[in-house]
Amino acid sequence: MAIRSLCRLRQDYQQAGAKVVADAASIWSREMVVKVKEPLPAEYGLLQKGQILFTYLHLAADRPLTENLMESGVTAIAYETVELPNRSLPLLTPMSIIAGRLSVQFGARFLERQQGGRGVLLGGVPGVSPGKVVILGGGVVGTEAAKMAIGLGAQVQIVDISVDRLAYLETLFGSRVELLYSSAPQIEAIVPTADLLIGAVLVPGRKAPILVGRSLVEKMRTGSVIVDVAVDQGGCIETLHPTSHTNPVYVESGVVHYGVPNMPGAVPWTATQALNNSTFPYVQKLAKQGLAALDHDPALAKGLNVQQQQLIHPAVREVFPDLA
């Protein structure tokens, strides 16, 4: 059955005009490579000088990848730093929406006793208090996580450093969410009370700041759950490290940690459609115009991270000043 499905998939690609090649090396011989995930270590040797690479990179959390991209001579354009004049991130937003929604879906699952959690139902039942969800960051991920948590009937708190963003969230959620200004004392007060803690911090192009240290995690209740969506940018929880879809969680200090960097990969049909809708116009520009597309599209130009063996993006240069 699996072989039949693969053959049918191959035929679908070919009927749509794609050329299917025998191995990965053949793909990397092309003038432009479009991916979803950053190049893996096994692919570093396949990078070609003068090639355009268009994909998610998250360089601030990955020095070896940064060094290999520079050494290879590729022009690397990152989805996550393409930025519109209003400062929105059009190629990161669809994945952030999915990851934000999944963070609550997965958090609710791992709160189940048989999954190692406290055995808390986020929505509660009549006569029993609902679970509490604390969200660090009120951007796209945090907003979508709050929508899901509210839908399940949970108590929800969001902390954010932007008063303007908190004011916007108030117009969106009203009294259904408690909105708090982010400060160290505030975080220290609310994190130990969370059944589900969601890291939703984003600083474009930079590593996420550590907001929750090990000592604070140790104050959380046994069986509570942490889902750090910021893990692909280094994470904002000190005790959390990357995991995988195969082995998504581990327990430390009695707390269940979920650290899958590519959360949308759990729902590939939805994620693929959403990412294609956003990236395809930019792919077309690069395919037709080459690097001249960067001169014609300021938003796409902000996606440029590496070119001619140099770091270009200001935020990444700040992270690796010795490479700049």
C-alpha atoms as a PDB file:
ATOM      1  CA  MET A   1       0.000   0.000   0.000  1.00  0.00           C
ATOM      2  CA  ALA A   2       2.812   2.430   0.896  1.00  0.00           C
ATOM      3  CA  ILE A   3       4.656   1.738  -2.375  1.00  0.00           C
ATOM      4  CA  ARG A   4       1.447   2.254  -4.332  1.00  0.00           C
ATOM      5  CA  SER A   5       0.844   5.586  -2.572  1.00  0.00           C
ATOM      6  CA  LEU A   6       4.387   6.747  -3.338  1.00  0.00           C
ATOM      7  CA  CYS A   7       3.995   5.812  -6.993  1.00  0.00           C
ATOM      8  CA  ARG A   8       0.728   7.727  -7.174  1.00  0.00           C
ATOM      9  CA  LEU A   9       2.362  10.726  -5.504  1.00  0.00           C
ATOM     10  CA  ARG A  10       5.208  10.603  -8.015  1.00  0.00           C
ATOM     11  CA  GLN A  11       2.704  10.543 -10.867  1.00  0.00           C
ATOM     12  CA  ASP A  12       0.836  13.499  -9.385  1.00  0.00           C
ATOM     13  CA  TYR A  13       4.029  15.553  -9.248  1.00  0.00           C
ATOM     14  CA  GLN A  14       4.944  14.640 -12.808  1.00  0.00           C
ATOM     15  CA  GLN A  15       1.481  15.460 -14.121  1.00  0.00           C
ATOM     16  CA  ALA A  16       1.772  18.873 -12.466  1.00  0.00           C
ATOM     17  CA  GLY A  17       4.987  19.500 -14.403  1.00  0.00           C
ATOM     18  CA  ALA A  18       7.585  18.496 -11.812  1.00  0.00           C
ATOM     19  CA  LYS A  19      10.698  16.504 -12.620  1.00  0.00           C
ATOM     20  CA  VAL A  20      11.397  13.725 -10.125  1.00  0.00           C
ATOM     21  CA  VAL A  21      15.098  12.914  -9.682  1.00  0.00           C
ATOM     22  CA  ALA A  22      16.806   9.887  -8.203  1.00  0.00           C
ATOM     23  CA  ASP A  23      18.758  11.429  -5.331  1.00  0.00           C
ATOM     24  CA  ALA A  24      19.184  14.532  -3.193  1.00  0.00           C
ATOM     25  CA  ALA A  25      22.483  15.479  -4.825  1.00  0.00           C
ATOM     26  CA  SER A  26      20.633  16.053  -8.098  1.00  0.00           C
ATOM     27  CA  ILE A  27      18.352  18.552  -6.382  1.00  0.00           C
ATOM     28  CA  TRP A  28      21.285  20.449  -4.878  1.00  0.00           C
ATOM     29  CA  SER A  29      22.857  20.909  -8.312  1.00  0.00           C
ATOM     30  CA  ARG A  30      20.125  23.406  -9.223  1.00  0.00           C
ATOM     31  CA  GLU A  31      20.535  27.195  -9.274  1.00  0.00           C
ATOM     32  CA  MET A  32      17.834  27.616  -6.623  1.00  0.00           C
ATOM     33  CA  VAL A  33      16.752  25.249  -3.853  1.00  0.00           C
ATOM     34  CA  VAL A  34      13.481  25.813  -1.996  1.00  0.00           C
ATOM     35  CA  LYS A  35      13.033  23.886   1.239  1.00  0.00           C
ATOM     36  CA  VAL A  36      10.923  23.875   4.381  1.00  0.00           C
ATOM     37  CA  LYS A  37      13.556  23.032   7.001  1.00  0.00           C
ATOM     38  CA  GLU A  38      17.084  24.392   7.200  1.00  0.00           C
ATOM     39  CA  PRO A  39      19.865  22.289   5.612  1.00  0.00           C
ATOM     40  CA  LEU A  40      20.808  19.325   7.774  1.00  0.00           C
ATOM     41  CA  PRO A  41      24.472  18.503   8.532  1.00  0.00           C
ATOM     42  CA  ALA A  42      24.369  15.749   5.913  1.00  0.00           C
ATOM     43  CA  GLU A  43      23.458  18.401   3.325  1.00  0.00           C
ATOM     44  CA  TYR A  44      26.211  20.902   4.126  1.00  0.00           C
ATOM     45  CA  GLY A  45      28.528  19.322   1.561  1.00  0.00           C
ATOM     46  CA  LEU A  46      25.866  19.658  -1.140  1.00  0.00           C
ATOM     47  CA  LEU A  47      25.616  23.457  -0.917  1.00  0.00           C
ATOM     48  CA  GLN A  48      26.790  25.145  -4.124  1.00  0.00           C
ATOM     49  CA  LYS A  49      28.590  28.479  -4.521  1.00  0.00           C
ATOM     50  CA  GLY A  50      26.319  31.078  -6.118  1.00  0.00           C
ATOM     51  CA  GLN A  51      23.178  29.030  -5.409  1.00  0.00           C
ATOM     52  CA  ILE A  52      20.026  30.627  -4.005  1.00  0.00           C
ATOM     53  CA  LEU A  53      18.684  28.837  -0.931  1.00  0.00           C
ATOM     54  CA  PHE A  54      15.184  29.841   0.162  1.00  0.00           C
ATOM     55  CA  THR A  55      13.904  28.199   3.354  1.00  0.00           C
ATOM     56  CA  TYR A  56      13.537  28.550   7.115  1.00  0.00           C
ATOM     57  CA  LEU A  57      17.007  29.038   8.610  1.00  0.00           C
ATOM     58  CA  HIS A  58      16.791  30.242  12.264  1.00  0.00           C
ATOM     59  CA  LEU A  59      20.523  30.968  12.199  1.00  0.00           C
ATOM     60  CA  ALA A  60      20.667  32.685  15.592  1.00  0.00           C
ATOM     61  CA  ALA A  61      20.272  29.302  17.283  1.00  0.00           C
ATOM     62  CA  ASP A  62      22.594  27.381  14.948  1.00  0.00           C
ATOM     63  CA  ARG A  63      26.211  28.515  14.622  1.00  0.00           C
ATOM     64  CA  PRO A  64      27.409  25.418  12.655  1.00  0.00           C
ATOM     65  CA  LEU A  65      24.755  26.015  10.001  1.00  0.00           C
ATOM     66  CA  THR A  66      25.669  29.715   9.832  1.00  0.00           C
ATOM     67  CA  GLU A  67      29.342  28.915   9.339  1.00  0.00           C
ATOM     68  CA  ASN A  68      28.650  26.306   6.667  1.00  0.00           C
ATOM     69  CA  LEU A  69      26.354  28.616   4.719  1.00  0.00           C
ATOM     70  CA  MET A  70      29.015  31.316   4.759  1.00  0.00           C
ATOM     71  CA  GLU A  71      31.759  28.919   3.719  1.00  0.00           C
ATOM     72  CA  SER A  72      29.697  27.470   0.867  1.00  0.00           C
ATOM     73  CA  GLY A  73      29.104  30.784  -0.895  1.00  0.00           C
ATOM     74  CA  VAL A  74      25.336  30.331  -1.225  1.00  0.00           C
ATOM     75  CA  THR A  75      22.882  33.195  -1.066  1.00  0.00           C
ATOM     76  CA  ALA A  76      20.634  32.201   1.835  1.00  0.00           C
ATOM     77  CA  ILE A  77      17.231  33.844   2.178  1.00  0.00           C
ATOM     78  CA  ALA A  78      15.250  32.971   5.303  1.00  0.00           C
ATOM     79  CA  TYR A  79      11.482  32.704   5.338  1.00  0.00           C
ATOM     80  CA  GLU A  80      11.340  33.860   8.946  1.00  0.00           C
ATOM     81  CA  THR A  81      12.984  37.255   8.327  1.00  0.00           C
ATOM     82  CA  VAL A  82      11.023  38.298   5.226  1.00  0.00           C
ATOM     83  CA  GLU A  83       9.293  41.364   6.656  1.00  0.00           C
ATOM     84  CA  LEU A  84       6.543  43.657   5.341  1.00  0.00           C
ATOM     85  CA  PRO A  85       6.529  47.432   5.985  1.00  0.00           C
ATOM     86  CA  ASN A  86       4.094  46.949   8.886  1.00  0.00           C
ATOM     87  CA  ARG A  87       6.720  44.635  10.482  1.00  0.00           C
ATOM     88  CA  SER A  88       4.600  41.515  10.000  1.00  0.00           C
ATOM     89  CA  LEU A  89       6.367  38.311   8.919  1.00  0.00           C
ATOM     90  CA  PRO A  90       4.278  36.859   6.075  1.00  0.00           C
ATOM     91  CA  LEU A  91       6.188  33.584   5.697  1.00  0.00           C
ATOM     92  CA  LEU A  92       6.451  32.887   9.416  1.00  0.00           C
ATOM     93  CA  THR A  93       2.871  33.795  10.298  1.00  0.00           C
ATOM     94  CA  PRO A  94       1.103  30.723   8.836  1.00  0.00           C
ATOM     95  CA  MET A  95       3.434  28.350  10.681  1.00  0.00           C
ATOM     96  CA  SER A  96       3.110  30.446  13.848  1.00  0.00           C
ATOM     97  CA  ILE A  97      -0.667  30.155  13.650  1.00  0.00           C
ATOM     98  CA  ILE A  98      -0.434  26.380  13.336  1.00  0.00           C
ATOM     99  CA  ALA A  99       2.203  26.046  16.067  1.00  0.00           C
ATOM    100  CA  GLY A 100       0.223  28.261  18.428  1.00  0.00           C
ATOM    101  CA  ARG A 101      -2.897  26.165  18.002  1.00  0.00           C
ATOM    102  CA  LEU A 102      -0.990  22.895  18.280  1.00  0.00           C
ATOM    103  CA  SER A 103       0.750  24.034  21.467  1.00  0.00           C
ATOM    104  CA  VAL A 104      -2.526  23.825  23.364  1.00  0.00           C
ATOM    105  CA  GLN A 105      -3.627  20.675  21.556  1.00  0.00           C
ATOM    106  CA  PHE A 106      -0.393  18.893  22.501  1.00  0.00           C
ATOM    107  CA  GLY A 107      -0.323  20.459  25.956  1.00  0.00           C
ATOM    108  CA  ALA A 108      -3.802  19.136  26.695  1.00  0.00           C
ATOM    109  CA  ARG A 109      -2.741  15.685  25.529  1.00  0.00           C
ATOM    110  CA  PHE A 110       0.372  15.502  27.703  1.00  0.00           C
ATOM    111  CA  LEU A 111      -1.543  16.717  30.736  1.00  0.00           C
ATOM    112  CA  GLU A 112      -3.295  13.352  30.639  1.00  0.00           C
ATOM    113  CA  ARG A 113      -2.143  11.024  33.400  1.00  0.00           C
ATOM    114  CA  GLN A 114      -1.202   8.185  31.043  1.00  0.00           C
ATOM    115  CA  GLN A 115       1.047  10.630  29.157  1.00  0.00           C
ATOM    116  CA  GLY A 116       2.867  11.590  32.358  1.00  0.00           C
ATOM    117  CA  GLY A 117       0.831  14.704  33.136  1.00  0.00           C
ATOM    118  CA  ARG A 118      -1.149  15.869  36.158  1.00  0.00           C
ATOM    119  CA  GLY A 119      -4.370  14.392  34.867  1.00  0.00           C
ATOM    120  CA  VAL A 120      -5.972  17.810  34.415  1.00  0.00           C
ATOM    121  CA  LEU A 121      -8.763  18.522  31.924  1.00  0.00           C
ATOM    122  CA  LEU A 122      -8.125  22.059  30.701  1.00  0.00           C
ATOM    123  CA  GLY A 123     -11.823  22.826  30.415  1.00  0.00           C
ATOM    124  CA  GLY A 124     -12.713  21.398  33.804  1.00  0.00           C
ATOM    125  CA  VAL A 125     -16.276  20.235  34.518  1.00  0.00           C
ATOM    126  CA  PRO A 126     -19.125  21.703  36.575  1.00  0.00           C
ATOM    127  CA  GLY A 127     -17.941  21.810  40.164  1.00  0.00           C
ATOM    128  CA  VAL A 128     -14.238  21.418  39.248  1.00  0.00           C
ATOM    129  CA  SER A 129     -11.949  24.302  38.300  1.00  0.00           C
ATOM    130  CA  PRO A 130     -10.588  24.348  34.750  1.00  0.00           C
ATOM    131  CA  GLY A 131      -6.886  24.063  34.087  1.00  0.00           C
ATOM    132  CA  LYS A 132      -4.688  27.125  33.873  1.00  0.00           C
ATOM    133  CA  VAL A 133      -2.691  28.070  30.766  1.00  0.00           C
ATOM    134  CA  VAL A 134       0.090  30.652  31.049  1.00  0.00           C
ATOM    135  CA  ILE A 135       1.385  32.044  27.746  1.00  0.00           C
ATOM    136  CA  LEU A 136       4.691  33.912  27.529  1.00  0.00           C
ATOM    137  CA  GLY A 137       4.327  36.301  24.594  1.00  0.00           C
ATOM    138  CA  GLY A 138       1.277  37.804  22.952  1.00  0.00           C
ATOM    139  CA  GLY A 139       2.328  37.665  19.304  1.00  0.00           C
ATOM    140  CA  VAL A 140       0.829  35.401  16.660  1.00  0.00           C
ATOM    141  CA  VAL A 141       1.739  32.166  18.475  1.00  0.00           C
ATOM    142  CA  GLY A 142       0.485  33.414  21.828  1.00  0.00           C
ATOM    143  CA  THR A 143      -2.723  34.778  20.354  1.00  0.00           C
ATOM    144  CA  GLU A 144      -3.543  31.534  18.571  1.00  0.00           C
ATOM    145  CA  ALA A 145      -2.706  29.498  21.665  1.00  0.00           C
ATOM    146  CA  ALA A 146      -5.060  31.688  23.696  1.00  0.00           C
ATOM    147  CA  LYS A 147      -7.877  31.166  21.175  1.00  0.00           C
ATOM    148  CA  MET A 148      -7.522  27.397  21.504  1.00  0.00           C
ATOM    149  CA  ALA A 149      -7.237  27.469  25.291  1.00  0.00           C
ATOM    150  CA  ILE A 150     -10.308  29.694  25.615  1.00  0.00           C
ATOM    151  CA  GLY A 151     -12.181  27.369  23.295  1.00  0.00           C
ATOM    152  CA  LEU A 152     -11.394  24.468  25.612  1.00  0.00           C
ATOM    153  CA  GLY A 153     -12.623  26.454  28.608  1.00  0.00           C
ATOM    154  CA  ALA A 154      -9.270  26.939  30.342  1.00  0.00           C
ATOM    155  CA  GLN A 155      -8.186  29.855  32.506  1.00  0.00           C
ATOM    156  CA  VAL A 156      -5.722  31.865  30.411  1.00  0.00           C
ATOM    157  CA  GLN A 157      -3.032  34.402  31.242  1.00  0.00           C
ATOM    158  CA  ILE A 158      -0.816  36.137  28.680  1.00  0.00           C
ATOM    159  CA  VAL A 159       2.263  38.163  29.537  1.00  0.00           C
ATOM    160  CA  ASP A 160       3.878  40.475  27.019  1.00  0.00           C
ATOM    161  CA  ILE A 161       6.401  43.296  27.124  1.00  0.00           C
ATOM    162  CA  SER A 162       4.415  45.522  24.731  1.00  0.00           C
ATOM    163  CA  VAL A 163       1.627  47.575  26.300  1.00  0.00           C
ATOM    164  CA  ASP A 164       0.268  48.294  22.828  1.00  0.00           C
ATOM    165  CA  ARG A 165       0.041  44.588  22.099  1.00  0.00           C
ATOM    166  CA  LEU A 166      -1.728  43.950  25.400  1.00  0.00           C
ATOM    167  CA  ALA A 167      -4.208  46.709  24.536  1.00  0.00           C
ATOM    168  CA  TYR A 168      -4.879  45.037  21.176  1.00  0.00           C
ATOM    169  CA  LEU A 169      -5.368  41.665  22.866  1.00  0.00           C
ATOM    170  CA  GLU A 170      -7.899  43.242  25.213  1.00  0.00           C
ATOM    171  CA  THR A 171     -10.002  44.279  22.211  1.00  0.00           C
ATOM    172  CA  LEU A 172      -9.720  40.705  20.947  1.00  0.00           C
ATOM    173  CA  PHE A 173     -10.380  38.725  24.119  1.00  0.00           C
ATOM    174  CA  GLY A 174     -11.980  41.156  26.558  1.00  0.00           C
ATOM    175  CA  SER A 175     -12.211  39.685  30.042  1.00  0.00           C
ATOM    176  CA  ARG A 176     -11.774  36.089  28.869  1.00  0.00           C
ATOM    177  CA  VAL A 177      -7.968  36.405  29.188  1.00  0.00           C
ATOM    178  CA  GLU A 178      -5.942  37.996  31.971  1.00  0.00           C
ATOM    179  CA  LEU A 179      -3.386  40.258  30.280  1.00  0.00           C
ATOM    180  CA  LEU A 180      -0.236  41.069  32.255  1.00  0.00           C
ATOM    181  CA  TYR A 181       2.844  43.151  31.595  1.00  0.00           C
ATOM    182  CA  SER A 182       5.917  40.958  31.364  1.00  0.00           C
ATOM    183  CA  SER A 183       8.469  41.396  34.142  1.00  0.00           C
ATOM    184  CA  ALA A 184      10.647  39.017  36.116  1.00  0.00           C
ATOM    185  CA  PRO A 185       8.500  39.282  39.288  1.00  0.00           C
ATOM    186  CA  GLN A 186       5.312  38.753  37.286  1.00  0.00           C
ATOM    187  CA  ILE A 187       6.683  35.673  35.570  1.00  0.00           C
ATOM    188  CA  GLU A 188       7.954  34.296  38.862  1.00  0.00           C
ATOM    189  CA  ALA A 189       4.488  34.746  40.369  1.00  0.00           C
ATOM    190  CA  ILE A 190       2.415  33.035  37.684  1.00  0.00           C
ATOM    191  CA  VAL A 191       4.592  30.255  36.248  1.00  0.00           C
ATOM    192  CA  PRO A 192       4.339  27.969  39.328  1.00  0.00           C
ATOM    193  CA  THR A 193       0.529  28.140  39.091  1.00  0.00           C
ATOM    194  CA  ALA A 194       0.378  26.941  35.465  1.00  0.00           C
ATOM    195  CA  ASP A 195      -0.886  23.538  34.454  1.00  0.00           C
ATOM    196  CA  LEU A 196       0.304  24.316  30.921  1.00  0.00           C
ATOM    197  CA  LEU A 197       3.104  26.821  30.240  1.00  0.00           C
ATOM    198  CA  ILE A 198       3.546  27.919  26.631  1.00  0.00           C
ATOM    199  CA  GLY A 199       6.672  29.712  25.417  1.00  0.00           C
ATOM    200  CA  ALA A 200       5.610  32.011  22.583  1.00  0.00           C
ATOM    201  CA  VAL A 201       8.475  34.509  22.494  1.00  0.00           C
ATOM    202  CA  LEU A 202       9.806  35.811  19.180  1.00  0.00           C
ATOM    203  CA  VAL A 203      12.598  38.299  18.529  1.00  0.00           C
ATOM    204  CA  PRO A 204      13.011  38.200  14.719  1.00  0.00           C
ATOM    205  CA  GLY A 205      16.430  36.954  13.691  1.00  0.00           C
ATOM    206  CA  ARG A 206      17.678  36.629  17.283  1.00  0.00           C
ATOM    207  CA  LYS A 207      17.797  33.919  19.913  1.00  0.00           C
ATOM    208  CA  ALA A 208      14.826  33.892  22.238  1.00  0.00           C
ATOM    209  CA  PRO A 209      15.617  35.282  25.703  1.00  0.00           C
ATOM    210  CA  ILE A 210      15.457  32.882  28.647  1.00  0.00           C
ATOM    211  CA  LEU A 211      12.413  33.979  30.642  1.00  0.00           C
ATOM    212  CA  VAL A 212      11.994  30.916  32.864  1.00  0.00           C
ATOM    213  CA  GLY A 213      15.075  29.612  34.622  1.00  0.00           C
ATOM    214  CA  ARG A 214      15.649  26.158  36.050  1.00  0.00           C
ATOM    215  CA  SER A 215      14.871  27.241  39.615  1.00  0.00           C
ATOM    216  CA  LEU A 216      11.444  28.505  38.511  1.00  0.00           C
ATOM    217  CA  VAL A 217      10.664  25.282  36.617  1.00  0.00           C
ATOM    218  CA  GLU A 218      11.426  23.407  39.838  1.00  0.00           C
ATOM    219  CA  LYS A 219       8.608  25.357  41.518  1.00  0.00           C
ATOM    220  CA  MET A 220       6.010  24.088  39.017  1.00  0.00           C
ATOM    221  CA  ARG A 221       3.700  21.308  40.109  1.00  0.00           C
ATOM    222  CA  THR A 222       4.581  17.716  39.309  1.00  0.00           C
ATOM    223  CA  GLY A 223       2.949  16.657  36.051  1.00  0.00           C
ATOM    224  CA  SER A 224       2.481  20.163  34.682  1.00  0.00           C
ATOM    225  CA  VAL A 225       3.480  20.649  31.034  1.00  0.00           C
ATOM    226  CA  ILE A 226       5.766  23.054  29.176  1.00  0.00           C
ATOM    227  CA  VAL A 227       5.469  23.565  25.413  1.00  0.00           C
ATOM    228  CA  ASP A 228       8.137  25.945  24.097  1.00  0.00           C
ATOM    229  CA  VAL A 229       7.286  27.043  20.563  1.00  0.00           C
ATOM    230  CA  ALA A 230      10.431  29.232  20.626  1.00  0.00           C
ATOM    231  CA  VAL A 231      12.667  26.144  20.718  1.00  0.00           C
ATOM    232  CA  ASP A 232      13.829  26.621  17.112  1.00  0.00           C
ATOM    233  CA  GLN A 233      15.177  30.027  18.142  1.00  0.00           C
ATOM    234  CA  GLY A 234      16.948  28.633  21.191  1.00  0.00           C
ATOM    235  CA  GLY A 235      13.906  28.486  23.472  1.00  0.00           C
ATOM    236  CA  CYS A 236      12.770  30.718  26.324  1.00  0.00           C
ATOM    237  CA  ILE A 237      12.711  27.975  28.999  1.00  0.00           C
ATOM    238  CA  GLU A 238      16.119  27.058  30.427  1.00  0.00           C
ATOM    239  CA  THR A 239      15.340  23.381  31.001  1.00  0.00           C
ATOM    240  CA  LEU A 240      13.893  22.739  27.554  1.00  0.00           C
ATOM    241  CA  HIS A 241      15.904  21.250  24.710  1.00  0.00           C
ATOM    242  CA  PRO A 242      14.833  20.151  21.199  1.00  0.00           C
ATOM    243  CA  THR A 243      12.978  16.872  20.876  1.00  0.00           C
ATOM    244  CA  SER A 244      11.363  15.137  17.901  1.00  0.00           C
ATOM    245  CA  HIS A 245       7.954  14.028  16.704  1.00  0.00           C
ATOM    246  CA  THR A 246       9.033  10.446  17.444  1.00  0.00           C
ATOM    247  CA  ASN A 247      10.069  11.256  21.024  1.00  0.00           C
ATOM    248  CA  PRO A 248       8.406  14.594  21.723  1.00  0.00           C
ATOM    249  CA  VAL A 249       8.630  14.827  25.519  1.00  0.00           C
ATOM    250  CA  TYR A 250      10.858  14.208  28.487  1.00  0.00           C
ATOM    251  CA  VAL A 251      10.429  14.849  32.213  1.00  0.00           C
ATOM    252  CA  GLU A 252      12.724  17.134  34.182  1.00  0.00           C
ATOM    253  CA  SER A 253      12.103  18.372  37.724  1.00  0.00           C
ATOM    254  CA  GLY A 254       8.804  16.483  37.549  1.00  0.00           C
ATOM    255  CA  VAL A 255       7.579  18.656  34.652  1.00  0.00           C
ATOM    256  CA  VAL A 256       6.747  17.296  31.199  1.00  0.00           C
ATOM    257  CA  HIS A 257       8.752  19.177  28.533  1.00  0.00           C
ATOM    258  CA  TYR A 258       7.657  19.275  24.879  1.00  0.00           C
ATOM    259  CA  GLY A 259      10.310  20.727  22.538  1.00  0.00           C
ATOM    260  CA  VAL A 260       9.614  19.703  18.942  1.00  0.00           C
ATOM    261  CA  PRO A 261      11.111  22.453  16.724  1.00  0.00           C
ATOM    262  CA  ASN A 262       8.936  21.726  13.701  1.00  0.00           C
ATOM    263  CA  MET A 263       5.516  21.490  15.306  1.00  0.00           C
ATOM    264  CA  PRO A 264       3.568  22.085  12.043  1.00  0.00           C
ATOM    265  CA  GLY A 265       5.157  18.869  10.734  1.00  0.00           C
ATOM    266  CA  ALA A 266       2.581  17.020  12.829  1.00  0.00           C
ATOM    267  CA  VAL A 267      -0.129  18.267  10.464  1.00  0.00           C
ATOM    268  CA  PRO A 268       1.683  18.188   7.096  1.00  0.00           C
ATOM    269  CA  TRP A 269      -1.379  18.448   4.873  1.00  0.00           C
ATOM    270  CA  THR A 270      -2.556  21.667   6.529  1.00  0.00           C
ATOM    271  CA  ALA A 271       0.967  23.066   6.959  1.00  0.00           C
ATOM    272  CA  THR A 272       1.941  22.426   3.335  1.00  0.00           C
ATOM    273  CA  GLN A 273      -1.114  24.193   1.953  1.00  0.00           C
ATOM    274  CA  ALA A 274      -0.599  27.164   4.271  1.00  0.00           C
ATOM    275  CA  LEU A 275       3.124  27.492   3.532  1.00  0.00           C
ATOM    276  CA  ASN A 276       2.659  27.148  -0.229  1.00  0.00           C
ATOM    277  CA  ASN A 277       0.022  29.882  -0.224  1.00  0.00           C
ATOM    278  CA  SER A 278       2.481  32.268   1.423  1.00  0.00           C
ATOM    279  CA  THR A 279       5.812  31.365  -0.162  1.00  0.00           C
ATOM    280  CA  PHE A 280       4.833  30.726  -3.786  1.00  0.00           C
ATOM    281  CA  PRO A 281       4.644  34.395  -4.878  1.00  0.00           C
ATOM    282  CA  TYR A 282       8.181  34.951  -3.547  1.00  0.00           C
ATOM    283  CA  VAL A 283       9.443  31.731  -5.160  1.00  0.00           C
ATOM    284  CA  GLN A 284       8.078  32.948  -8.493  1.00  0.00           C
ATOM    285  CA  LYS A 285       9.872  36.288  -8.137  1.00  0.00           C
ATOM    286  CA  LEU A 286      13.192  34.619  -7.378  1.00  0.00           C
ATOM    287  CA  ALA A 287      12.755  32.092 -10.197  1.00  0.00           C
ATOM    288  CA  LYS A 288      11.973  34.796 -12.766  1.00  0.00           C
ATOM    289  CA  GLN A 289      14.251  37.602 -11.605  1.00  0.00           C
ATOM    290  CA  GLY A 290      17.016  35.888  -9.669  1.00  0.00           C
ATOM    291  CA  LEU A 291      18.693  38.048  -7.051  1.00  0.00           C
ATOM    292  CA  ALA A 292      17.324  41.148  -8.777  1.00  0.00           C
ATOM    293  CA  ALA A 293      14.073  40.291  -6.988  1.00  0.00           C
ATOM    294  CA  LEU A 294      15.699  41.524  -3.771  1.00  0.00           C
ATOM    295  CA  ASP A 295      16.120  44.983  -5.314  1.00  0.00           C
ATOM    296  CA  HIS A 296      12.490  45.109  -6.416  1.00  0.00           C
ATOM    297  CA  ASP A 297      10.900  43.752  -3.236  1.00  0.00           C
ATOM    298  CA  PRO A 298      12.054  45.326   0.066  1.00  0.00           C
ATOM    299  CA  ALA A 299      10.192  42.711   2.116  1.00  0.00           C
ATOM    300  CA  LEU A 300      12.028  39.877   0.373  1.00  0.00           C
ATOM    301  CA  ALA A 301      15.328  41.739   0.759  1.00  0.00           C
ATOM    302  CA  LYS A 302      14.906  41.624   4.539  1.00  0.00           C
ATOM    303  CA  GLY A 303      14.989  37.838   4.245  1.00  0.00           C
ATOM    304  CA  LEU A 304      18.601  37.907   3.046  1.00  0.00           C
ATOM    305  CA  ASN A 305      20.786  36.338   5.738  1.00  0.00           C
ATOM    306  CA  VAL A 306      23.974  35.212   3.958  1.00  0.00           C
ATOM    307  CA  GLN A 307      25.526  36.354   0.678  1.00  0.00           C
ATOM    308  CA  GLN A 308      29.027  36.180  -0.792  1.00  0.00           C
ATOM    309  CA  GLN A 309      30.298  34.444   2.350  1.00  0.00           C
ATOM    310  CA  GLN A 310      29.130  37.291   4.575  1.00  0.00           C
ATOM    311  CA  LEU A 311      26.411  37.641   7.199  1.00  0.00           C
ATOM    312  CA  ILE A 312      23.909  40.215   5.993  1.00  0.00           C
ATOM    313  CA  HIS A 313      20.945  40.297   8.368  1.00  0.00           C
ATOM    314  CA  PRO A 314      21.609  42.783  11.212  1.00  0.00           C
ATOM    315  CA  ALA A 315      20.057  40.627  13.931  1.00  0.00           C
ATOM    316  CA  VAL A 316      22.138  37.584  13.003  1.00  0.00           C
ATOM    317  CA  ARG A 317      25.264  39.733  12.837  1.00  0.00           C
ATOM    318  CA  GLU A 318      24.583  40.817  16.419  1.00  0.00           C
ATOM    319  CA  VAL A 319      24.351  37.194  17.533  1.00  0.00           C
ATOM    320  CA  PHE A 320      27.648  36.245  15.812  1.00  0.00           C
ATOM    321  CA  PRO A 321      29.770  39.424  15.891  1.00  0.00           C
ATOM    322  CA  ASP A 322      32.961  37.433  15.293  1.00  0.00           C
ATOM    323  CA  LEU A 323      31.541  36.184  11.975  1.00  0.00           C
ATOM    324  CA  ALA A 324      30.273  39.564  10.796  1.00  0.00           C
END
